Amino acid sequence: MANKSNKLMMTLVLMMVCGVAQETGAQTDAPEMDETPGVAASSKQYVLELAAPNPVLRLRAAENLARITSIEDKRVVEGYRLQEKDKRVQLALDWALYRFGDDTKLFRIVSALDSTLYRSQATSYLSQLDTPEPLYMFLNTPKRNVRVGVLDALGNVGDAGTFPQLEPLTRASDKRIAIAANAAAKRITERLEEDAMDAQDVSPTRPRQTGTRREKDEPPSDDPF
């Protein structure tokens, strides 16, 4: 009976030792978590999608890389841009590379405004600029479609400093340019007014009143104190 008890105890001890060893090994072999797993995973996923057979997936991947400004993937994106055949995807890759710091790619995006096929896509990218200043140099381009496209983008991204740039064009002899310039100025004005309204306290609190005030309908008290 004693021998059976001893064997049972030995078995339990061995099981406990093996369990601790397995747990320790699992903790040792577990990979370290990335400090920013969401961004890192997204970046890797989007880079992989740049090789997808579907051009829509490649376009969205390039736009997402531009959105998260994945600068560390710039060399890879440059490589994909060289081999890309789809014009829309090329434009999306140019936008990503511009966001990565390659200012020369802005010229390709602005040039796309001259095409009815790619004008909307290019305008959407230019409307996401952090500042309207890079677009000012294109307001004097001889290509009317490009100027109108730039004015359209400025209506979306322009600020108070854009008005002096637009003012001469609002009186342009070319009616299409004048209409686009006036429309841009109007949209900027409306946006600035909305921003000013949002900045104000729409429900200001009443100033505090010191002391006590007897309500109108409250009967006077007989207590002189």
C-alpha atoms as a PDB file:
ATOM      1  CA  MET A   1       0.000   0.000   0.000  1.00  0.00           C
ATOM      2  CA  ALA A   2       2.872   2.295   0.882  1.00  0.00           C
ATOM      3  CA  ASN A   3       4.577   1.505  -2.417  1.00  0.00           C
ATOM      4  CA  LYS A   4       1.444   2.449  -4.350  1.00  0.00           C
ATOM      5  CA  SER A   5       1.215   5.762  -2.477  1.00  0.00           C
ATOM      6  CA  ASN A   6       4.870   6.519  -3.178  1.00  0.00           C
ATOM      7  CA  LYS A   7       4.455   5.797  -6.884  1.00  0.00           C
ATOM      8  CA  LEU A   8       1.388   8.012  -7.020  1.00  0.00           C
ATOM      9  CA  MET A   9       3.264  10.853  -5.341  1.00  0.00           C
ATOM     10  CA  MET A  10       6.214  10.482  -7.724  1.00  0.00           C
ATOM     11  CA  THR A  11       3.861  10.596 -10.723  1.00  0.00           C
ATOM     12  CA  LEU A  12       2.211  13.790  -9.481  1.00  0.00           C
ATOM     13  CA  VAL A  13       5.578  15.434  -8.870  1.00  0.00           C
ATOM     14  CA  LEU A  14       6.803  14.532 -12.371  1.00  0.00           C
ATOM     15  CA  MET A  15       3.607  15.926 -13.909  1.00  0.00           C
ATOM     16  CA  MET A  16       4.021  19.195 -12.027  1.00  0.00           C
ATOM     17  CA  VAL A  17       7.678  19.507 -13.065  1.00  0.00           C
ATOM     18  CA  CYS A  18       6.856  18.855 -16.722  1.00  0.00           C
ATOM     19  CA  GLY A  19       4.036  21.414 -16.632  1.00  0.00           C
ATOM     20  CA  VAL A  20       6.292  24.123 -15.196  1.00  0.00           C
ATOM     21  CA  ALA A  21       8.957  23.357 -17.786  1.00  0.00           C
ATOM     22  CA  GLN A  22       6.489  23.601 -20.663  1.00  0.00           C
ATOM     23  CA  GLU A  23       5.101  26.900 -19.357  1.00  0.00           C
ATOM     24  CA  THR A  24       8.594  28.344 -18.965  1.00  0.00           C
ATOM     25  CA  GLY A  25       9.553  27.249 -22.450  1.00  0.00           C
ATOM     26  CA  ALA A  26       6.434  28.801 -23.928  1.00  0.00           C
ATOM     27  CA  GLN A  27       7.185  32.105 -22.232  1.00  0.00           C
ATOM     28  CA  THR A  28      10.793  32.052 -23.439  1.00  0.00           C
ATOM     29  CA  ASP A  29       9.960  31.222 -27.059  1.00  0.00           C
ATOM     30  CA  ALA A  30       7.078  33.708 -27.381  1.00  0.00           C
ATOM     31  CA  PRO A  31       7.922  36.520 -29.839  1.00  0.00           C
ATOM     32  CA  GLU A  32       8.023  40.060 -28.548  1.00  0.00           C
ATOM     33  CA  MET A  33       5.038  42.205 -29.460  1.00  0.00           C
ATOM     34  CA  ASP A  34       5.586  45.167 -31.737  1.00  0.00           C
ATOM     35  CA  GLU A  35       5.238  48.478 -29.923  1.00  0.00           C
ATOM     36  CA  THR A  36       2.842  49.655 -32.633  1.00  0.00           C
ATOM     37  CA  PRO A  37       1.317  46.425 -33.943  1.00  0.00           C
ATOM     38  CA  GLY A  38      -1.564  48.127 -35.746  1.00  0.00           C
ATOM     39  CA  VAL A  39       0.562  50.436 -37.871  1.00  0.00           C
ATOM     40  CA  ALA A  40       3.299  47.859 -38.471  1.00  0.00           C
ATOM     41  CA  ALA A  41       0.823  45.167 -39.489  1.00  0.00           C
ATOM     42  CA  SER A  42      -1.038  47.575 -41.772  1.00  0.00           C
ATOM     43  CA  SER A  43       2.160  48.736 -43.429  1.00  0.00           C
ATOM     44  CA  LYS A  44       3.303  45.175 -44.151  1.00  0.00           C
ATOM     45  CA  GLN A  45      -0.127  44.237 -45.410  1.00  0.00           C
ATOM     46  CA  TYR A  46      -0.328  47.209 -47.765  1.00  0.00           C
ATOM     47  CA  VAL A  47       3.158  46.570 -49.150  1.00  0.00           C
ATOM     48  CA  LEU A  48       2.169  42.983 -49.934  1.00  0.00           C
ATOM     49  CA  GLU A  49      -0.987  44.207 -51.648  1.00  0.00           C
ATOM     50  CA  LEU A  50       1.104  46.319 -54.035  1.00  0.00           C
ATOM     51  CA  ALA A  51       1.861  43.027 -55.799  1.00  0.00           C
ATOM     52  CA  ALA A  52      -1.783  41.957 -55.986  1.00  0.00           C
ATOM     53  CA  PRO A  53      -3.153  41.031 -59.450  1.00  0.00           C
ATOM     54  CA  ASN A  54      -6.169  43.272 -58.886  1.00  0.00           C
ATOM     55  CA  PRO A  55      -5.287  46.921 -59.686  1.00  0.00           C
ATOM     56  CA  VAL A  56      -7.981  48.161 -57.307  1.00  0.00           C
ATOM     57  CA  LEU A  57      -6.204  46.442 -54.420  1.00  0.00           C
ATOM     58  CA  ARG A  58      -2.894  47.930 -55.515  1.00  0.00           C
ATOM     59  CA  LEU A  59      -4.416  51.405 -55.729  1.00  0.00           C
ATOM     60  CA  ARG A  60      -5.973  51.164 -52.249  1.00  0.00           C
ATOM     61  CA  ALA A  61      -2.721  49.815 -50.834  1.00  0.00           C
ATOM     62  CA  ALA A  62      -0.786  52.799 -52.221  1.00  0.00           C
ATOM     63  CA  GLU A  63      -3.361  55.237 -50.846  1.00  0.00           C
ATOM     64  CA  ASN A  64      -3.239  53.585 -47.425  1.00  0.00           C
ATOM     65  CA  LEU A  65       0.556  53.761 -47.375  1.00  0.00           C
ATOM     66  CA  ALA A  66       0.260  57.464 -48.181  1.00  0.00           C
ATOM     67  CA  ARG A  67      -2.304  57.897 -45.423  1.00  0.00           C
ATOM     68  CA  ILE A  68      -0.103  56.375 -42.718  1.00  0.00           C
ATOM     69  CA  THR A  69       2.989  58.035 -44.267  1.00  0.00           C
ATOM     70  CA  SER A  70       4.959  54.790 -44.186  1.00  0.00           C
ATOM     71  CA  ILE A  71       8.287  56.440 -45.050  1.00  0.00           C
ATOM     72  CA  GLU A  72      10.280  53.303 -44.233  1.00  0.00           C
ATOM     73  CA  ASP A  73       8.657  51.646 -47.254  1.00  0.00           C
ATOM     74  CA  LYS A  74       9.708  54.385 -49.690  1.00  0.00           C
ATOM     75  CA  ARG A  75      12.302  52.287 -51.536  1.00  0.00           C
ATOM     76  CA  VAL A  76       9.846  49.439 -51.989  1.00  0.00           C
ATOM     77  CA  VAL A  77       7.147  51.785 -53.266  1.00  0.00           C
ATOM     78  CA  GLU A  78       9.620  53.328 -55.717  1.00  0.00           C
ATOM     79  CA  GLY A  79      10.318  49.871 -57.072  1.00  0.00           C
ATOM     80  CA  TYR A  80       6.645  49.107 -57.550  1.00  0.00           C
ATOM     81  CA  ARG A  81       6.148  52.486 -59.223  1.00  0.00           C
ATOM     82  CA  LEU A  82       8.770  51.640 -61.850  1.00  0.00           C
ATOM     83  CA  GLN A  83       7.033  48.411 -62.847  1.00  0.00           C
ATOM     84  CA  GLU A  84       3.400  49.543 -62.485  1.00  0.00           C
ATOM     85  CA  LYS A  85       1.431  49.675 -65.751  1.00  0.00           C
ATOM     86  CA  ASP A  86      -1.982  50.831 -64.559  1.00  0.00           C
ATOM     87  CA  LYS A  87      -2.258  54.624 -64.797  1.00  0.00           C
ATOM     88  CA  ARG A  88      -4.511  55.004 -61.788  1.00  0.00           C
ATOM     89  CA  VAL A  89      -2.231  52.916 -59.630  1.00  0.00           C
ATOM     90  CA  GLN A  90       0.732  54.920 -60.897  1.00  0.00           C
ATOM     91  CA  LEU A  91      -0.994  58.085 -59.737  1.00  0.00           C
ATOM     92  CA  ALA A  92      -1.707  56.581 -56.319  1.00  0.00           C
ATOM     93  CA  LEU A  93       1.944  55.525 -55.985  1.00  0.00           C
ATOM     94  CA  ASP A  94       3.030  59.049 -56.967  1.00  0.00           C
ATOM     95  CA  TRP A  95       0.810  60.400 -54.201  1.00  0.00           C
ATOM     96  CA  ALA A  96       2.343  57.996 -51.699  1.00  0.00           C
ATOM     97  CA  LEU A  97       5.863  58.965 -52.731  1.00  0.00           C
ATOM     98  CA  TYR A  98       4.979  62.653 -52.461  1.00  0.00           C
ATOM     99  CA  ARG A  99       3.739  62.041 -48.932  1.00  0.00           C
ATOM    100  CA  PHE A 100       7.030  60.278 -48.254  1.00  0.00           C
ATOM    101  CA  GLY A 101       8.902  63.478 -49.154  1.00  0.00           C
ATOM    102  CA  ASP A 102       9.467  63.281 -52.923  1.00  0.00           C
ATOM    103  CA  ASP A 103       8.219  66.738 -53.947  1.00  0.00           C
ATOM    104  CA  THR A 104       8.818  66.063 -57.661  1.00  0.00           C
ATOM    105  CA  LYS A 105       5.837  63.709 -57.693  1.00  0.00           C
ATOM    106  CA  LEU A 106       3.508  66.664 -57.139  1.00  0.00           C
ATOM    107  CA  PHE A 107       4.070  67.698 -60.764  1.00  0.00           C
ATOM    108  CA  ARG A 108       2.794  64.331 -61.996  1.00  0.00           C
ATOM    109  CA  ILE A 109      -0.314  64.595 -59.843  1.00  0.00           C
ATOM    110  CA  VAL A 110      -1.053  68.131 -61.021  1.00  0.00           C
ATOM    111  CA  SER A 111      -0.481  67.092 -64.638  1.00  0.00           C
ATOM    112  CA  ALA A 112      -3.164  64.440 -64.238  1.00  0.00           C
ATOM    113  CA  LEU A 113      -5.693  67.274 -63.820  1.00  0.00           C
ATOM    114  CA  ASP A 114      -5.496  67.760 -67.585  1.00  0.00           C
ATOM    115  CA  SER A 115      -7.102  64.355 -68.145  1.00  0.00           C
ATOM    116  CA  THR A 116     -10.812  63.733 -67.724  1.00  0.00           C
ATOM    117  CA  LEU A 117      -9.985  60.150 -66.719  1.00  0.00           C
ATOM    118  CA  TYR A 118      -7.739  61.033 -63.798  1.00  0.00           C
ATOM    119  CA  ARG A 119      -8.843  64.558 -62.823  1.00  0.00           C
ATOM    120  CA  SER A 120     -11.120  63.457 -59.997  1.00  0.00           C
ATOM    121  CA  GLN A 121      -8.468  61.173 -58.510  1.00  0.00           C
ATOM    122  CA  ALA A 122      -5.787  63.852 -58.703  1.00  0.00           C
ATOM    123  CA  THR A 123      -8.107  66.480 -57.184  1.00  0.00           C
ATOM    124  CA  SER A 124      -8.879  64.196 -54.243  1.00  0.00           C
ATOM    125  CA  TYR A 125      -5.158  63.821 -53.514  1.00  0.00           C
ATOM    126  CA  LEU A 126      -4.411  67.537 -53.834  1.00  0.00           C
ATOM    127  CA  SER A 127      -7.332  68.294 -51.516  1.00  0.00           C
ATOM    128  CA  GLN A 128      -5.512  66.364 -48.783  1.00  0.00           C
ATOM    129  CA  LEU A 129      -2.428  68.588 -48.768  1.00  0.00           C
ATOM    130  CA  ASP A 130      -1.373  69.883 -45.368  1.00  0.00           C
ATOM    131  CA  THR A 131      -1.049  73.403 -46.776  1.00  0.00           C
ATOM    132  CA  PRO A 132      -2.253  75.021 -50.022  1.00  0.00           C
ATOM    133  CA  GLU A 133       1.057  76.738 -50.733  1.00  0.00           C
ATOM    134  CA  PRO A 134       2.515  74.037 -53.031  1.00  0.00           C
ATOM    135  CA  LEU A 135      -0.381  74.629 -55.427  1.00  0.00           C
ATOM    136  CA  TYR A 136       0.152  78.350 -55.908  1.00  0.00           C
ATOM    137  CA  MET A 137       2.912  77.857 -58.474  1.00  0.00           C
ATOM    138  CA  PHE A 138       0.468  76.090 -60.796  1.00  0.00           C
ATOM    139  CA  LEU A 139      -2.085  78.909 -60.937  1.00  0.00           C
ATOM    140  CA  ASN A 140      -0.290  80.458 -63.915  1.00  0.00           C
ATOM    141  CA  THR A 141       0.048  77.295 -65.955  1.00  0.00           C
ATOM    142  CA  PRO A 142      -1.079  77.748 -69.581  1.00  0.00           C
ATOM    143  CA  LYS A 143      -3.239  74.609 -69.438  1.00  0.00           C
ATOM    144  CA  ARG A 144      -6.773  75.650 -68.581  1.00  0.00           C
ATOM    145  CA  ASN A 145      -7.870  72.232 -67.258  1.00  0.00           C
ATOM    146  CA  VAL A 146      -4.933  72.161 -64.877  1.00  0.00           C
ATOM    147  CA  ARG A 147      -5.670  75.662 -63.590  1.00  0.00           C
ATOM    148  CA  VAL A 148      -9.333  74.827 -63.046  1.00  0.00           C
ATOM    149  CA  GLY A 149      -8.358  71.621 -61.258  1.00  0.00           C
ATOM    150  CA  VAL A 150      -5.910  73.455 -59.022  1.00  0.00           C
ATOM    151  CA  LEU A 151      -8.572  76.040 -58.194  1.00  0.00           C
ATOM    152  CA  ASP A 152     -10.987  73.249 -57.346  1.00  0.00           C
ATOM    153  CA  ALA A 153      -8.439  71.686 -54.995  1.00  0.00           C
ATOM    154  CA  LEU A 154      -7.685  75.072 -53.423  1.00  0.00           C
ATOM    155  CA  GLY A 155     -11.363  75.442 -52.646  1.00  0.00           C
ATOM    156  CA  ASN A 156     -10.998  72.349 -50.474  1.00  0.00           C
ATOM    157  CA  VAL A 157      -7.625  72.994 -48.854  1.00  0.00           C
ATOM    158  CA  GLY A 158      -7.156  76.759 -49.080  1.00  0.00           C
ATOM    159  CA  ASP A 159      -6.933  79.108 -46.108  1.00  0.00           C
ATOM    160  CA  ALA A 160      -7.013  82.848 -45.468  1.00  0.00           C
ATOM    161  CA  GLY A 161      -3.665  83.233 -47.220  1.00  0.00           C
ATOM    162  CA  THR A 162      -5.179  81.845 -50.422  1.00  0.00           C
ATOM    163  CA  PHE A 163      -7.432  84.837 -51.102  1.00  0.00           C
ATOM    164  CA  PRO A 164      -4.654  87.081 -52.502  1.00  0.00           C
ATOM    165  CA  GLN A 165      -3.736  84.265 -54.881  1.00  0.00           C
ATOM    166  CA  LEU A 166      -7.327  83.919 -56.076  1.00  0.00           C
ATOM    167  CA  GLU A 167      -8.264  87.583 -56.330  1.00  0.00           C
ATOM    168  CA  PRO A 168      -6.697  88.290 -59.780  1.00  0.00           C
ATOM    169  CA  LEU A 169      -8.227  85.118 -61.182  1.00  0.00           C
ATOM    170  CA  THR A 170     -11.741  86.024 -60.031  1.00  0.00           C
ATOM    171  CA  ARG A 171     -11.617  88.775 -62.677  1.00  0.00           C
ATOM    172  CA  ALA A 172      -9.952  86.688 -65.389  1.00  0.00           C
ATOM    173  CA  SER A 173     -11.080  87.152 -68.988  1.00  0.00           C
ATOM    174  CA  ASP A 174     -11.424  83.398 -69.258  1.00  0.00           C
ATOM    175  CA  LYS A 175     -14.898  82.848 -67.799  1.00  0.00           C
ATOM    176  CA  ARG A 176     -14.172  79.274 -66.814  1.00  0.00           C
ATOM    177  CA  ILE A 177     -11.146  80.365 -64.771  1.00  0.00           C
ATOM    178  CA  ALA A 178     -13.076  83.237 -63.180  1.00  0.00           C
ATOM    179  CA  ILE A 179     -15.963  80.950 -62.211  1.00  0.00           C
ATOM    180  CA  ALA A 180     -13.582  78.391 -60.699  1.00  0.00           C
ATOM    181  CA  ALA A 181     -11.677  81.063 -58.764  1.00  0.00           C
ATOM    182  CA  ASN A 182     -14.865  82.614 -57.365  1.00  0.00           C
ATOM    183  CA  ALA A 183     -16.206  79.185 -56.424  1.00  0.00           C
ATOM    184  CA  ALA A 184     -12.962  78.376 -54.615  1.00  0.00           C
ATOM    185  CA  ALA A 185     -13.027  81.679 -52.715  1.00  0.00           C
ATOM    186  CA  LYS A 186     -16.628  81.048 -51.690  1.00  0.00           C
ATOM    187  CA  ARG A 187     -15.892  77.553 -50.373  1.00  0.00           C
ATOM    188  CA  ILE A 188     -12.882  78.777 -48.414  1.00  0.00           C
ATOM    189  CA  THR A 189     -14.948  81.591 -46.887  1.00  0.00           C
ATOM    190  CA  GLU A 190     -17.701  79.184 -45.867  1.00  0.00           C
ATOM    191  CA  ARG A 191     -15.207  76.772 -44.336  1.00  0.00           C
ATOM    192  CA  LEU A 192     -13.449  79.510 -42.382  1.00  0.00           C
ATOM    193  CA  GLU A 193     -16.782  80.777 -41.086  1.00  0.00           C
ATOM    194  CA  GLU A 194     -17.733  77.273 -39.973  1.00  0.00           C
ATOM    195  CA  ASP A 195     -14.392  76.869 -38.221  1.00  0.00           C
ATOM    196  CA  ALA A 196     -14.914  80.192 -36.448  1.00  0.00           C
ATOM    197  CA  MET A 197     -18.369  79.123 -35.326  1.00  0.00           C
ATOM    198  CA  ASP A 198     -17.007  75.828 -34.008  1.00  0.00           C
ATOM    199  CA  ALA A 199     -14.330  77.684 -32.070  1.00  0.00           C
ATOM    200  CA  GLN A 200     -16.883  79.836 -30.311  1.00  0.00           C
ATOM    201  CA  ASP A 201     -18.781  78.736 -27.268  1.00  0.00           C
ATOM    202  CA  VAL A 202     -22.266  78.377 -28.702  1.00  0.00           C
ATOM    203  CA  SER A 203     -23.797  78.110 -25.233  1.00  0.00           C
ATOM    204  CA  PRO A 204     -22.014  80.616 -22.997  1.00  0.00           C
ATOM    205  CA  THR A 205     -22.688  80.260 -19.301  1.00  0.00           C
ATOM    206  CA  ARG A 206     -24.465  83.052 -17.485  1.00  0.00           C
ATOM    207  CA  PRO A 207     -22.198  85.105 -15.230  1.00  0.00           C
ATOM    208  CA  ARG A 208     -22.332  84.113 -11.624  1.00  0.00           C
ATOM    209  CA  GLN A 209     -24.482  86.302  -9.397  1.00  0.00           C
ATOM    210  CA  THR A 210     -23.353  87.075  -5.918  1.00  0.00           C
ATOM    211  CA  GLY A 211     -25.743  86.938  -2.974  1.00  0.00           C
ATOM    212  CA  THR A 212     -29.261  85.563  -3.157  1.00  0.00           C
ATOM    213  CA  ARG A 213     -32.181  86.675  -5.260  1.00  0.00           C
ATOM    214  CA  ARG A 214     -35.812  86.281  -4.237  1.00  0.00           C
ATOM    215  CA  GLU A 215     -37.967  84.662  -6.898  1.00  0.00           C
ATOM    216  CA  LYS A 216     -40.736  86.867  -8.335  1.00  0.00           C
ATOM    217  CA  ASP A 217     -43.571  84.698  -7.081  1.00  0.00           C
ATOM    218  CA  GLU A 218     -42.086  84.102  -3.650  1.00  0.00           C
ATOM    219  CA  PRO A 219     -44.143  85.886  -0.965  1.00  0.00           C
ATOM    220  CA  PRO A 220     -42.243  88.249   1.301  1.00  0.00           C
ATOM    221  CA  SER A 221     -41.166  86.772   4.575  1.00  0.00           C
ATOM    222  CA  ASP A 222     -42.532  88.075   7.860  1.00  0.00           C
ATOM    223  CA  ASP A 223     -39.243  87.253   9.494  1.00  0.00           C
ATOM    224  CA  PRO A 224     -37.273  90.507   9.618  1.00  0.00           C
ATOM    225  CA  PHE A 225     -34.143  88.450   9.862  1.00  0.00           C
END
